[in-house]
């Protein structure tokens, strides 16, 4: 059984409490093909797309 779908506001609040810093890994993210297409990332992207398409 799945839990409830969290809203964008809930996700932003959780990220802030966990110490998320926007742009902290910007230089690493610019590196091409670094850890390309990891399965965990695909699953997370599918969840995000479902949230915005619905």
C-alpha atoms as a PDB file:
ATOM      1  CA  UNK A   1       0.000   0.000   0.000  1.00  0.00           C
ATOM      2  CA  UNK A   2       1.383   3.394  -0.968  1.00  0.00           C
ATOM      3  CA  UNK A   3       1.379   6.465   1.244  1.00  0.00           C
ATOM      4  CA  UNK A   4      -0.224   9.697   0.182  1.00  0.00           C
ATOM      5  CA  UNK A   5       1.333  11.771  -2.598  1.00  0.00           C
ATOM      6  CA  UNK A   6       3.231  14.666  -1.049  1.00  0.00           C
ATOM      7  CA  UNK A   7       2.633  18.142  -2.411  1.00  0.00           C
ATOM      8  CA  UNK A   8       5.350  20.420  -3.761  1.00  0.00           C
ATOM      9  CA  UNK A   9       5.067  22.572  -0.626  1.00  0.00           C
ATOM     10  CA  UNK A  10       5.698  19.527   1.581  1.00  0.00           C
ATOM     11  CA  UNK A  11       8.731  18.542  -0.481  1.00  0.00           C
ATOM     12  CA  UNK A  12      10.227  22.049  -0.370  1.00  0.00           C
ATOM     13  CA  UNK A  13       9.713  22.260   3.404  1.00  0.00           C
ATOM     14  CA  UNK A  14      11.370  18.867   3.910  1.00  0.00           C
ATOM     15  CA  UNK A  15      14.334  19.848   1.729  1.00  0.00           C
ATOM     16  CA  UNK A  16      14.794  23.066   3.732  1.00  0.00           C
ATOM     17  CA  UNK A  17      14.807  21.196   7.047  1.00  0.00           C
ATOM     18  CA  UNK A  18      17.322  18.696   5.651  1.00  0.00           C
ATOM     19  CA  UNK A  19      19.725  21.530   4.802  1.00  0.00           C
ATOM     20  CA  UNK A  20      19.284  21.640   1.016  1.00  0.00           C
ATOM     21  CA  UNK A  21      21.407  24.324  -0.627  1.00  0.00           C
ATOM     22  CA  UNK A  22      20.393  25.280  -4.182  1.00  0.00           C
ATOM     23  CA  UNK A  23      23.334  25.157  -6.605  1.00  0.00           C
ATOM     24  CA  UNK A  24      25.740  23.524  -4.119  1.00  0.00           C
ATOM     25  CA  UNK A  25      26.797  20.861  -6.669  1.00  0.00           C
ATOM     26  CA  UNK A  26      26.525  23.005  -9.791  1.00  0.00           C
ATOM     27  CA  UNK A  27      30.098  22.358 -10.978  1.00  0.00           C
ATOM     28  CA  UNK A  28      29.782  18.569 -10.578  1.00  0.00           C
ATOM     29  CA  UNK A  29      26.436  18.594 -12.369  1.00  0.00           C
ATOM     30  CA  UNK A  30      28.024  20.251 -15.412  1.00  0.00           C
ATOM     31  CA  UNK A  31      30.305  17.231 -16.009  1.00  0.00           C
ATOM     32  CA  UNK A  32      28.953  15.343 -19.006  1.00  0.00           C
ATOM     33  CA  UNK A  33      27.909  11.666 -18.717  1.00  0.00           C
ATOM     34  CA  UNK A  34      28.828  11.456 -15.029  1.00  0.00           C
ATOM     35  CA  UNK A  35      26.867   8.517 -13.611  1.00  0.00           C
ATOM     36  CA  UNK A  36      24.651   8.523 -16.671  1.00  0.00           C
ATOM     37  CA  UNK A  37      21.088   7.198 -16.308  1.00  0.00           C
ATOM     38  CA  UNK A  38      21.167   5.583 -12.861  1.00  0.00           C
ATOM     39  CA  UNK A  39      18.043   3.454 -12.223  1.00  0.00           C
ATOM     40  CA  UNK A  40      17.193   5.294  -8.983  1.00  0.00           C
ATOM     41  CA  UNK A  41      17.148   8.589 -10.891  1.00  0.00           C
ATOM     42  CA  UNK A  42      14.778   7.180 -13.526  1.00  0.00           C
ATOM     43  CA  UNK A  43      12.364   6.046 -10.820  1.00  0.00           C
ATOM     44  CA  UNK A  44      12.467   9.469  -9.128  1.00  0.00           C
ATOM     45  CA  UNK A  45      11.893  11.240 -12.449  1.00  0.00           C
ATOM     46  CA  UNK A  46       8.869   9.050 -13.145  1.00  0.00           C
ATOM     47  CA  UNK A  47       7.398  10.026  -9.771  1.00  0.00           C
ATOM     48  CA  UNK A  48       7.933  13.728 -10.446  1.00  0.00           C
ATOM     49  CA  UNK A  49       6.385  13.461 -13.923  1.00  0.00           C
ATOM     50  CA  UNK A  50       3.338  11.670 -12.513  1.00  0.00           C
ATOM     51  CA  UNK A  51       2.909  14.487  -9.990  1.00  0.00           C
ATOM     52  CA  UNK A  52       2.965  17.235 -12.637  1.00  0.00           C
ATOM     53  CA  UNK A  53       0.988  15.440 -15.357  1.00  0.00           C
ATOM     54  CA  UNK A  54      -1.872  14.498 -13.021  1.00  0.00           C
END
